[in-house]
Amino acid sequence: VAAGEFIPTLDKQAANVIRLAAMLARSNHPVASMRLRDVAND
């Protein structure tokens, strides 16, 4: 997801973990964090 790949089978489990990853990656990987956050929010 952080690399911009579309995941067609995203489920509740993955979306929740992606949201967490966005928070954890914010300081070291800000661009990846934004992509992760946007996908989870969507």
PDB file of all heavy atoms in Angstrom:
ATOM      1  N   VAL A   1       0.839  -1.198   0.000  1.00  0.00           N
ATOM      2  CA  VAL A   1       0.000   0.000   0.000  1.00  0.00           C
ATOM      3  C   VAL A   1       0.877   1.251   0.000  1.00  0.00           C
ATOM      4  O   VAL A   1       0.624   2.197  -0.747  1.00  0.00           O
ATOM      5  CB  VAL A   1      -0.957   0.001   1.213  1.00  0.00           C
ATOM      6  CG1 VAL A   1      -1.608   1.356   1.405  1.00  0.00           C
ATOM      7  CG2 VAL A   1      -2.018  -1.085   1.046  1.00  0.00           C
ATOM      8  N   ALA A   2       1.918   1.260   0.818  1.00  0.00           N
ATOM      9  CA  ALA A   2       2.817   2.414   0.898  1.00  0.00           C
ATOM     10  C   ALA A   2       3.510   2.678  -0.438  1.00  0.00           C
ATOM     11  O   ALA A   2       3.824   3.822  -0.764  1.00  0.00           O
ATOM     12  CB  ALA A   2       3.854   2.194   1.992  1.00  0.00           C
ATOM     13  N   ALA A   3       3.712   1.623  -1.209  1.00  0.00           N
ATOM     14  CA  ALA A   3       4.341   1.756  -2.527  1.00  0.00           C
ATOM     15  C   ALA A   3       3.340   2.207  -3.586  1.00  0.00           C
ATOM     16  O   ALA A   3       3.700   2.405  -4.742  1.00  0.00           O
ATOM     17  CB  ALA A   3       4.982   0.430  -2.938  1.00  0.00           C
ATOM     18  N   GLY A   4       2.076   2.352  -3.200  1.00  0.00           N
ATOM     19  CA  GLY A   4       1.065   2.818  -4.131  1.00  0.00           C
ATOM     20  C   GLY A   4       0.317   1.715  -4.850  1.00  0.00           C
ATOM     21  O   GLY A   4      -0.478   1.983  -5.756  1.00  0.00           O
ATOM     22  N   GLU A   5       0.531   0.481  -4.440  1.00  0.00           N
ATOM     23  CA  GLU A   5      -0.153  -0.648  -5.070  1.00  0.00           C
ATOM     24  C   GLU A   5      -1.599  -0.721  -4.586  1.00  0.00           C
ATOM     25  O   GLU A   5      -1.880  -0.567  -3.400  1.00  0.00           O
ATOM     26  CB  GLU A   5       0.570  -1.948  -4.717  1.00  0.00           C
ATOM     27  CG  GLU A   5       0.037  -3.158  -5.434  1.00  0.00           C
ATOM     28  CD  GLU A   5       0.840  -4.412  -5.138  1.00  0.00           C
ATOM     29  OE1 GLU A   5       2.052  -4.304  -4.888  1.00  0.00           O
ATOM     30  OE2 GLU A   5       0.237  -5.484  -5.158  1.00  0.00           O
ATOM     31  N   PHE A   6      -2.513  -0.944  -5.493  1.00  0.00           N
ATOM     32  CA  PHE A   6      -3.925  -1.095  -5.156  1.00  0.00           C
ATOM     33  C   PHE A   6      -4.161  -2.509  -4.639  1.00  0.00           C
ATOM     34  O   PHE A   6      -3.737  -3.483  -5.264  1.00  0.00           O
ATOM     35  CB  PHE A   6      -4.792  -0.823  -6.387  1.00  0.00           C
ATOM     36  CG  PHE A   6      -6.250  -1.064  -6.153  1.00  0.00           C
ATOM     37  CD1 PHE A   6      -6.984  -0.211  -5.348  1.00  0.00           C
ATOM     38  CD2 PHE A   6      -6.889  -2.144  -6.731  1.00  0.00           C
ATOM     39  CE1 PHE A   6      -8.336  -0.423  -5.113  1.00  0.00           C
ATOM     40  CE2 PHE A   6      -8.235  -2.379  -6.514  1.00  0.00           C
ATOM     41  CZ  PHE A   6      -8.958  -1.509  -5.702  1.00  0.00           C
ATOM     42  N   ILE A   7      -4.823  -2.623  -3.516  1.00  0.00           N
ATOM     43  CA  ILE A   7      -5.129  -3.927  -2.917  1.00  0.00           C
ATOM     44  C   ILE A   7      -6.640  -4.138  -3.023  1.00  0.00           C
ATOM     45  O   ILE A   7      -7.409  -3.595  -2.225  1.00  0.00           O
ATOM     46  CB  ILE A   7      -4.691  -3.983  -1.433  1.00  0.00           C
ATOM     47  CG1 ILE A   7      -3.252  -3.520  -1.239  1.00  0.00           C
ATOM     48  CG2 ILE A   7      -4.915  -5.373  -0.860  1.00  0.00           C
ATOM     49  CD1 ILE A   7      -2.201  -4.404  -1.849  1.00  0.00           C
ATOM     50  N   PRO A   8      -7.097  -4.920  -4.003  1.00  0.00           N
ATOM     51  CA  PRO A   8      -8.539  -5.056  -4.221  1.00  0.00           C
ATOM     52  C   PRO A   8      -9.265  -5.823  -3.122  1.00  0.00           C
ATOM     53  O   PRO A   8     -10.463  -5.662  -2.955  1.00  0.00           O
ATOM     54  CB  PRO A   8      -8.625  -5.798  -5.561  1.00  0.00           C
ATOM     55  CG  PRO A   8      -7.332  -6.530  -5.674  1.00  0.00           C
ATOM     56  CD  PRO A   8      -6.312  -5.681  -4.960  1.00  0.00           C
ATOM     57  N   THR A   9      -8.563  -6.650  -2.376  1.00  0.00           N
ATOM     58  CA  THR A   9      -9.219  -7.485  -1.368  1.00  0.00           C
ATOM     59  C   THR A   9      -8.995  -6.963   0.047  1.00  0.00           C
ATOM     60  O   THR A   9      -8.971  -7.731   1.000  1.00  0.00           O
ATOM     61  CB  THR A   9      -8.698  -8.937  -1.461  1.00  0.00           C
ATOM     62  OG1 THR A   9      -7.276  -8.922  -1.287  1.00  0.00           O
ATOM     63  CG2 THR A   9      -9.065  -9.571  -2.780  1.00  0.00           C
ATOM     64  N   LEU A  10      -8.843  -5.663   0.186  1.00  0.00           N
ATOM     65  CA  LEU A  10      -8.632  -5.072   1.502  1.00  0.00           C
ATOM     66  C   LEU A  10      -9.824  -5.392   2.409  1.00  0.00           C
ATOM     67  O   LEU A  10     -10.974  -5.272   1.994  1.00  0.00           O
ATOM     68  CB  LEU A  10      -8.474  -3.558   1.360  1.00  0.00           C
ATOM     69  CG  LEU A  10      -7.874  -2.808   2.542  1.00  0.00           C
ATOM     70  CD1 LEU A  10      -6.447  -3.269   2.799  1.00  0.00           C
ATOM     71  CD2 LEU A  10      -7.888  -1.327   2.262  1.00  0.00           C
ATOM     72  N   ASP A  11      -9.536  -5.843   3.608  1.00  0.00           N
ATOM     73  CA  ASP A  11     -10.588  -6.184   4.554  1.00  0.00           C
ATOM     74  C   ASP A  11     -10.421  -5.380   5.840  1.00  0.00           C
ATOM     75  O   ASP A  11      -9.492  -4.580   5.977  1.00  0.00           O
ATOM     76  CB  ASP A  11     -10.619  -7.684   4.836  1.00  0.00           C
ATOM     77  CG  ASP A  11      -9.315  -8.219   5.418  1.00  0.00           C
ATOM     78  OD1 ASP A  11      -8.445  -7.417   5.836  1.00  0.00           O
ATOM     79  OD2 ASP A  11      -9.157  -9.449   5.465  1.00  0.00           O
ATOM     80  N   LYS A  12     -11.320  -5.605   6.783  1.00  0.00           N
ATOM     81  CA  LYS A  12     -11.316  -4.851   8.040  1.00  0.00           C
ATOM     82  C   LYS A  12     -10.012  -5.045   8.804  1.00  0.00           C
ATOM     83  O   LYS A  12      -9.462  -4.103   9.365  1.00  0.00           O
ATOM     84  CB  LYS A  12     -12.505  -5.294   8.894  1.00  0.00           C
ATOM     85  CG  LYS A  12     -12.631  -4.582  10.201  1.00  0.00           C
ATOM     86  CD  LYS A  12     -13.850  -5.082  10.946  1.00  0.00           C
ATOM     87  CE  LYS A  12     -13.941  -4.463  12.322  1.00  0.00           C
ATOM     88  NZ  LYS A  12     -15.112  -4.936  13.049  1.00  0.00           N
ATOM     89  N   GLN A  13      -9.503  -6.257   8.828  1.00  0.00           N
ATOM     90  CA  GLN A  13      -8.250  -6.543   9.526  1.00  0.00           C
ATOM     91  C   GLN A  13      -7.113  -5.729   8.921  1.00  0.00           C
ATOM     92  O   GLN A  13      -6.397  -5.016   9.625  1.00  0.00           O
ATOM     93  CB  GLN A  13      -7.930  -8.038   9.450  1.00  0.00           C
ATOM     94  CG  GLN A  13      -6.632  -8.410  10.152  1.00  0.00           C
ATOM     95  CD  GLN A  13      -6.249  -9.861   9.919  1.00  0.00           C
ATOM     96  OE1 GLN A  13      -6.380 -10.372   8.802  1.00  0.00           O
ATOM     97  NE2 GLN A  13      -5.801 -10.518  10.971  1.00  0.00           N
ATOM     98  N   ALA A  14      -6.948  -5.819   7.605  1.00  0.00           N
ATOM     99  CA  ALA A  14      -5.866  -5.103   6.935  1.00  0.00           C
ATOM    100  C   ALA A  14      -6.029  -3.592   7.087  1.00  0.00           C
ATOM    101  O   ALA A  14      -5.055  -2.881   7.343  1.00  0.00           O
ATOM    102  CB  ALA A  14      -5.809  -5.493   5.463  1.00  0.00           C
ATOM    103  N   ALA A  15      -7.240  -3.093   6.954  1.00  0.00           N
ATOM    104  CA  ALA A  15      -7.467  -1.648   7.062  1.00  0.00           C
ATOM    105  C   ALA A  15      -7.082  -1.129   8.446  1.00  0.00           C
ATOM    106  O   ALA A  15      -6.481  -0.058   8.570  1.00  0.00           O
ATOM    107  CB  ALA A  15      -8.928  -1.323   6.757  1.00  0.00           C
ATOM    108  N   ASN A  16      -7.400  -1.877   9.480  1.00  0.00           N
ATOM    109  CA  ASN A  16      -7.033  -1.467  10.833  1.00  0.00           C
ATOM    110  C   ASN A  16      -5.524  -1.488  11.040  1.00  0.00           C
ATOM    111  O   ASN A  16      -4.964  -0.582  11.652  1.00  0.00           O
ATOM    112  CB  ASN A  16      -7.730  -2.349  11.872  1.00  0.00           C
ATOM    113  CG  ASN A  16      -9.127  -1.890  12.155  1.00  0.00           C
ATOM    114  OD1 ASN A  16      -9.324  -0.907  12.851  1.00  0.00           O
ATOM    115  ND2 ASN A  16     -10.109  -2.585  11.587  1.00  0.00           N
ATOM    116  N   VAL A  17      -4.866  -2.488  10.523  1.00  0.00           N
ATOM    117  CA  VAL A  17      -3.407  -2.568  10.667  1.00  0.00           C
ATOM    118  C   VAL A  17      -2.738  -1.502   9.809  1.00  0.00           C
ATOM    119  O   VAL A  17      -1.749  -0.894  10.231  1.00  0.00           O
ATOM    120  CB  VAL A  17      -2.897  -3.992  10.353  1.00  0.00           C
ATOM    121  CG1 VAL A  17      -1.382  -4.034  10.346  1.00  0.00           C
ATOM    122  CG2 VAL A  17      -3.450  -4.984  11.374  1.00  0.00           C
ATOM    123  N   ILE A  18      -3.272  -1.228   8.641  1.00  0.00           N
ATOM    124  CA  ILE A  18      -2.735  -0.158   7.787  1.00  0.00           C
ATOM    125  C   ILE A  18      -2.860   1.188   8.503  1.00  0.00           C
ATOM    126  O   ILE A  18      -1.930   2.003   8.468  1.00  0.00           O
ATOM    127  CB  ILE A  18      -3.444  -0.153   6.421  1.00  0.00           C
ATOM    128  CG1 ILE A  18      -2.981  -1.351   5.599  1.00  0.00           C
ATOM    129  CG2 ILE A  18      -3.200   1.151   5.673  1.00  0.00           C
ATOM    130  CD1 ILE A  18      -3.809  -1.620   4.352  1.00  0.00           C
ATOM    131  N   ARG A  19      -3.969   1.409   9.161  1.00  0.00           N
ATOM    132  CA  ARG A  19      -4.159   2.653   9.928  1.00  0.00           C
ATOM    133  C   ARG A  19      -3.099   2.771  11.020  1.00  0.00           C
ATOM    134  O   ARG A  19      -2.502   3.830  11.222  1.00  0.00           O
ATOM    135  CB  ARG A  19      -5.560   2.670  10.529  1.00  0.00           C
ATOM    136  CG  ARG A  19      -5.856   3.885  11.356  1.00  0.00           C
ATOM    137  CD  ARG A  19      -7.301   3.815  11.892  1.00  0.00           C
ATOM    138  NE  ARG A  19      -7.480   4.762  12.958  1.00  0.00           N
ATOM    139  CZ  ARG A  19      -7.246   4.510  14.256  1.00  0.00           C
ATOM    140  NH1 ARG A  19      -6.830   3.330  14.635  1.00  0.00           N
ATOM    141  NH2 ARG A  19      -7.440   5.434  15.155  1.00  0.00           N
ATOM    142  N   LEU A  20      -2.860   1.682  11.740  1.00  0.00           N
ATOM    143  CA  LEU A  20      -1.826   1.669  12.774  1.00  0.00           C
ATOM    144  C   LEU A  20      -0.451   1.918  12.158  1.00  0.00           C
ATOM    145  O   LEU A  20       0.348   2.700  12.677  1.00  0.00           O
ATOM    146  CB  LEU A  20      -1.839   0.338  13.530  1.00  0.00           C
ATOM    147  CG  LEU A  20      -0.718   0.129  14.545  1.00  0.00           C
ATOM    148  CD1 LEU A  20      -0.796   1.162  15.665  1.00  0.00           C
ATOM    149  CD2 LEU A  20      -0.777  -1.292  15.093  1.00  0.00           C
ATOM    150  N   ALA A  21      -0.174   1.273  11.036  1.00  0.00           N
ATOM    151  CA  ALA A  21       1.114   1.451  10.358  1.00  0.00           C
ATOM    152  C   ALA A  21       1.320   2.913   9.958  1.00  0.00           C
ATOM    153  O   ALA A  21       2.434   3.439  10.056  1.00  0.00           O
ATOM    154  CB  ALA A  21       1.192   0.543   9.132  1.00  0.00           C
ATOM    155  N   ALA A  22       0.257   3.574   9.531  1.00  0.00           N
ATOM    156  CA  ALA A  22       0.362   4.989   9.159  1.00  0.00           C
ATOM    157  C   ALA A  22       0.818   5.820  10.345  1.00  0.00           C
ATOM    158  O   ALA A  22       1.663   6.716  10.200  1.00  0.00           O
ATOM    159  CB  ALA A  22      -0.983   5.500   8.640  1.00  0.00           C
ATOM    160  N   MET A  23       0.283   5.527  11.507  1.00  0.00           N
ATOM    161  CA  MET A  23       0.674   6.265  12.711  1.00  0.00           C
ATOM    162  C   MET A  23       2.123   5.972  13.092  1.00  0.00           C
ATOM    163  O   MET A  23       2.876   6.876  13.446  1.00  0.00           O
ATOM    164  CB  MET A  23      -0.259   5.926  13.870  1.00  0.00           C
ATOM    165  CG  MET A  23      -1.668   6.458  13.688  1.00  0.00           C
ATOM    166  SD  MET A  23      -2.729   6.179  15.117  1.00  0.00           S
ATOM    167  CE  MET A  23      -3.124   4.436  14.929  1.00  0.00           C
ATOM    168  N   LEU A  24       2.516   4.715  13.002  1.00  0.00           N
ATOM    169  CA  LEU A  24       3.865   4.321  13.406  1.00  0.00           C
ATOM    170  C   LEU A  24       4.933   4.781  12.414  1.00  0.00           C
ATOM    171  O   LEU A  24       6.077   4.996  12.796  1.00  0.00           O
ATOM    172  CB  LEU A  24       3.946   2.805  13.585  1.00  0.00           C
ATOM    173  CG  LEU A  24       3.091   2.217  14.710  1.00  0.00           C
ATOM    174  CD1 LEU A  24       3.168   0.702  14.689  1.00  0.00           C
ATOM    175  CD2 LEU A  24       3.530   2.767  16.056  1.00  0.00           C
ATOM    176  N   ALA A  25       4.574   4.921  11.151  1.00  0.00           N
ATOM    177  CA  ALA A  25       5.545   5.286  10.112  1.00  0.00           C
ATOM    178  C   ALA A  25       5.687   6.787   9.937  1.00  0.00           C
ATOM    179  O   ALA A  25       6.580   7.246   9.218  1.00  0.00           O
ATOM    180  CB  ALA A  25       5.136   4.647   8.781  1.00  0.00           C
ATOM    181  N   ARG A  26       4.841   7.560  10.572  1.00  0.00           N
ATOM    182  CA  ARG A  26       4.771   9.004  10.337  1.00  0.00           C
ATOM    183  C   ARG A  26       6.124   9.707  10.448  1.00  0.00           C
ATOM    184  O   ARG A  26       6.472  10.518   9.595  1.00  0.00           O
ATOM    185  CB  ARG A  26       3.761   9.628  11.288  1.00  0.00           C
ATOM    186  CG  ARG A  26       3.457  11.060  11.001  1.00  0.00           C
ATOM    187  CD  ARG A  26       2.350  11.653  11.870  1.00  0.00           C
ATOM    188  NE  ARG A  26       2.029  10.838  13.031  1.00  0.00           N
ATOM    189  CZ  ARG A  26       0.806  10.529  13.405  1.00  0.00           C
ATOM    190  NH1 ARG A  26      -0.222  10.977  12.732  1.00  0.00           N
ATOM    191  NH2 ARG A  26       0.582   9.796  14.465  1.00  0.00           N
ATOM    192  N   SER A  27       6.913   9.412  11.451  1.00  0.00           N
ATOM    193  CA  SER A  27       8.159  10.158  11.644  1.00  0.00           C
ATOM    194  C   SER A  27       9.271   9.713  10.695  1.00  0.00           C
ATOM    195  O   SER A  27      10.022  10.556  10.199  1.00  0.00           O
ATOM    196  CB  SER A  27       8.633  10.057  13.098  1.00  0.00           C
ATOM    197  OG  SER A  27       8.899   8.717  13.435  1.00  0.00           O
ATOM    198  N   ASN A  28       9.396   8.441  10.425  1.00  0.00           N
ATOM    199  CA  ASN A  28      10.491   7.950   9.578  1.00  0.00           C
ATOM    200  C   ASN A  28      10.147   7.848   8.098  1.00  0.00           C
ATOM    201  O   ASN A  28      11.042   7.861   7.249  1.00  0.00           O
ATOM    202  CB  ASN A  28      10.965   6.573  10.056  1.00  0.00           C
ATOM    203  CG  ASN A  28      11.647   6.634  11.398  1.00  0.00           C
ATOM    204  OD1 ASN A  28      12.140   7.678  11.811  1.00  0.00           O
ATOM    205  ND2 ASN A  28      11.659   5.517  12.101  1.00  0.00           N
ATOM    206  N   HIS A  29       8.877   7.711   7.787  1.00  0.00           N
ATOM    207  CA  HIS A  29       8.437   7.511   6.406  1.00  0.00           C
ATOM    208  C   HIS A  29       7.168   8.334   6.155  1.00  0.00           C
ATOM    209  O   HIS A  29       6.080   7.767   5.984  1.00  0.00           O
ATOM    210  CB  HIS A  29       8.172   6.027   6.138  1.00  0.00           C
ATOM    211  CG  HIS A  29       9.302   5.130   6.519  1.00  0.00           C
ATOM    212  ND1 HIS A  29      10.407   4.954   5.728  1.00  0.00           N
ATOM    213  CD2 HIS A  29       9.514   4.380   7.631  1.00  0.00           C
ATOM    214  CE1 HIS A  29      11.243   4.114   6.316  1.00  0.00           C
ATOM    215  NE2 HIS A  29      10.725   3.760   7.483  1.00  0.00           N
ATOM    216  N   PRO A  30       7.275   9.656   6.113  1.00  0.00           N
ATOM    217  CA  PRO A  30       6.075  10.499   6.029  1.00  0.00           C
ATOM    218  C   PRO A  30       5.239  10.291   4.768  1.00  0.00           C
ATOM    219  O   PRO A  30       4.009  10.323   4.835  1.00  0.00           O
ATOM    220  CB  PRO A  30       6.618  11.921   6.118  1.00  0.00           C
ATOM    221  CG  PRO A  30       8.071  11.826   5.831  1.00  0.00           C
ATOM    222  CD  PRO A  30       8.499  10.452   6.194  1.00  0.00           C
ATOM    223  N   VAL A  31       5.863  10.062   3.632  1.00  0.00           N
ATOM    224  CA  VAL A  31       5.100   9.852   2.395  1.00  0.00           C
ATOM    225  C   VAL A  31       4.345   8.529   2.472  1.00  0.00           C
ATOM    226  O   VAL A  31       3.160   8.454   2.145  1.00  0.00           O
ATOM    227  CB  VAL A  31       6.017   9.905   1.154  1.00  0.00           C
ATOM    228  CG1 VAL A  31       5.263   9.525  -0.106  1.00  0.00           C
ATOM    229  CG2 VAL A  31       6.641  11.292   1.020  1.00  0.00           C
ATOM    230  N   ALA A  32       5.029   7.492   2.921  1.00  0.00           N
ATOM    231  CA  ALA A  32       4.379   6.185   3.088  1.00  0.00           C
ATOM    232  C   ALA A  32       3.240   6.296   4.093  1.00  0.00           C
ATOM    233  O   ALA A  32       2.164   5.723   3.891  1.00  0.00           O
ATOM    234  CB  ALA A  32       5.392   5.140   3.544  1.00  0.00           C
ATOM    235  N   SER A  33       3.461   7.048   5.156  1.00  0.00           N
ATOM    236  CA  SER A  33       2.439   7.233   6.175  1.00  0.00           C
ATOM    237  C   SER A  33       1.184   7.873   5.587  1.00  0.00           C
ATOM    238  O   SER A  33       0.060   7.441   5.896  1.00  0.00           O
ATOM    239  CB  SER A  33       2.991   8.107   7.310  1.00  0.00           C
ATOM    240  OG  SER A  33       1.987   8.391   8.249  1.00  0.00           O
ATOM    241  N   MET A  34       1.348   8.872   4.753  1.00  0.00           N
ATOM    242  CA  MET A  34       0.186   9.529   4.131  1.00  0.00           C
ATOM    243  C   MET A  34      -0.577   8.561   3.235  1.00  0.00           C
ATOM    244  O   MET A  34      -1.811   8.547   3.249  1.00  0.00           O
ATOM    245  CB  MET A  34       0.630  10.753   3.336  1.00  0.00           C
ATOM    246  CG  MET A  34       1.026  11.918   4.213  1.00  0.00           C
ATOM    247  SD  MET A  34       1.342  13.449   3.306  1.00  0.00           S
ATOM    248  CE  MET A  34       2.684  12.972   2.234  1.00  0.00           C
ATOM    249  N   ARG A  35       0.143   7.756   2.458  1.00  0.00           N
ATOM    250  CA  ARG A  35      -0.534   6.779   1.589  1.00  0.00           C
ATOM    251  C   ARG A  35      -1.308   5.769   2.427  1.00  0.00           C
ATOM    252  O   ARG A  35      -2.446   5.423   2.111  1.00  0.00           O
ATOM    253  CB  ARG A  35       0.485   6.059   0.710  1.00  0.00           C
ATOM    254  CG  ARG A  35       1.002   6.887  -0.417  1.00  0.00           C
ATOM    255  CD  ARG A  35       1.918   6.078  -1.294  1.00  0.00           C
ATOM    256  NE  ARG A  35       2.509   6.913  -2.320  1.00  0.00           N
ATOM    257  CZ  ARG A  35       3.739   6.782  -2.771  1.00  0.00           C
ATOM    258  NH1 ARG A  35       4.520   5.826  -2.309  1.00  0.00           N
ATOM    259  NH2 ARG A  35       4.203   7.584  -3.703  1.00  0.00           N
ATOM    260  N   LEU A  36      -0.656   5.267   3.466  1.00  0.00           N
ATOM    261  CA  LEU A  36      -1.302   4.299   4.344  1.00  0.00           C
ATOM    262  C   LEU A  36      -2.547   4.897   4.989  1.00  0.00           C
ATOM    263  O   LEU A  36      -3.613   4.273   5.008  1.00  0.00           O
ATOM    264  CB  LEU A  36      -0.323   3.825   5.421  1.00  0.00           C
ATOM    265  CG  LEU A  36       0.834   2.954   4.931  1.00  0.00           C
ATOM    266  CD1 LEU A  36       1.945   2.914   5.966  1.00  0.00           C
ATOM    267  CD2 LEU A  36       0.361   1.558   4.587  1.00  0.00           C
ATOM    268  N   ARG A  37      -2.424   6.106   5.507  1.00  0.00           N
ATOM    269  CA  ARG A  37      -3.552   6.784   6.150  1.00  0.00           C
ATOM    270  C   ARG A  37      -4.710   6.969   5.176  1.00  0.00           C
ATOM    271  O   ARG A  37      -5.868   6.707   5.507  1.00  0.00           O
ATOM    272  CB  ARG A  37      -3.101   8.141   6.691  1.00  0.00           C
ATOM    273  CG  ARG A  37      -4.209   8.875   7.448  1.00  0.00           C
ATOM    274  CD  ARG A  37      -3.917  10.337   7.625  1.00  0.00           C
ATOM    275  NE  ARG A  37      -3.862  10.959   6.297  1.00  0.00           N
ATOM    276  CZ  ARG A  37      -2.985  11.883   5.935  1.00  0.00           C
ATOM    277  NH1 ARG A  37      -2.075  12.307   6.770  1.00  0.00           N
ATOM    278  NH2 ARG A  37      -2.998  12.385   4.717  1.00  0.00           N
ATOM    279  N   ASP A  38      -4.402   7.409   3.955  1.00  0.00           N
ATOM    280  CA  ASP A  38      -5.451   7.650   2.968  1.00  0.00           C
ATOM    281  C   ASP A  38      -6.193   6.366   2.603  1.00  0.00           C
ATOM    282  O   ASP A  38      -7.429   6.362   2.493  1.00  0.00           O
ATOM    283  CB  ASP A  38      -4.866   8.287   1.706  1.00  0.00           C
ATOM    284  CG  ASP A  38      -4.405   9.721   1.927  1.00  0.00           C
ATOM    285  OD1 ASP A  38      -4.749  10.322   2.976  1.00  0.00           O
ATOM    286  OD2 ASP A  38      -3.662  10.231   1.055  1.00  0.00           O
ATOM    287  N   VAL A  39      -5.459   5.277   2.429  1.00  0.00           N
ATOM    288  CA  VAL A  39      -6.095   3.996   2.086  1.00  0.00           C
ATOM    289  C   VAL A  39      -6.978   3.513   3.242  1.00  0.00           C
ATOM    290  O   VAL A  39      -8.105   3.063   3.027  1.00  0.00           O
ATOM    291  CB  VAL A  39      -5.033   2.946   1.699  1.00  0.00           C
ATOM    292  CG1 VAL A  39      -5.617   1.537   1.657  1.00  0.00           C
ATOM    293  CG2 VAL A  39      -4.416   3.303   0.351  1.00  0.00           C
ATOM    294  N   ALA A  40      -6.479   3.615   4.462  1.00  0.00           N
ATOM    295  CA  ALA A  40      -7.269   3.192   5.618  1.00  0.00           C
ATOM    296  C   ALA A  40      -8.521   4.054   5.741  1.00  0.00           C
ATOM    297  O   ALA A  40      -9.627   3.529   5.935  1.00  0.00           O
ATOM    298  CB  ALA A  40      -6.438   3.270   6.892  1.00  0.00           C
ATOM    299  N   ASN A  41      -8.366   5.366   5.612  1.00  0.00           N
ATOM    300  CA  ASN A  41      -9.524   6.263   5.715  1.00  0.00           C
ATOM    301  C   ASN A  41     -10.545   5.977   4.620  1.00  0.00           C
ATOM    302  O   ASN A  41     -11.754   5.999   4.874  1.00  0.00           O
ATOM    303  CB  ASN A  41      -9.081   7.723   5.658  1.00  0.00           C
ATOM    304  CG  ASN A  41      -8.399   8.174   6.925  1.00  0.00           C
ATOM    305  OD1 ASN A  41      -8.505   7.539   7.968  1.00  0.00           O
ATOM    306  ND2 ASN A  41      -7.658   9.263   6.834  1.00  0.00           N
ATOM    307  N   ASP A  42     -10.072   5.712   3.408  1.00  0.00           N
ATOM    308  CA  ASP A  42     -10.987   5.370   2.313  1.00  0.00           C
ATOM    309  C   ASP A  42     -11.767   4.104   2.630  1.00  0.00           C
ATOM    310  O   ASP A  42     -12.970   4.016   2.363  1.00  0.00           O
ATOM    311  CB  ASP A  42     -10.223   5.185   0.997  1.00  0.00           C
ATOM    312  CG  ASP A  42      -9.727   6.490   0.404  1.00  0.00           C
ATOM    313  OD1 ASP A  42     -10.137   7.577   0.885  1.00  0.00           O
ATOM    314  OD2 ASP A  42      -8.899   6.421  -0.542  1.00  0.00           O
TER     315      ASP A  42
END
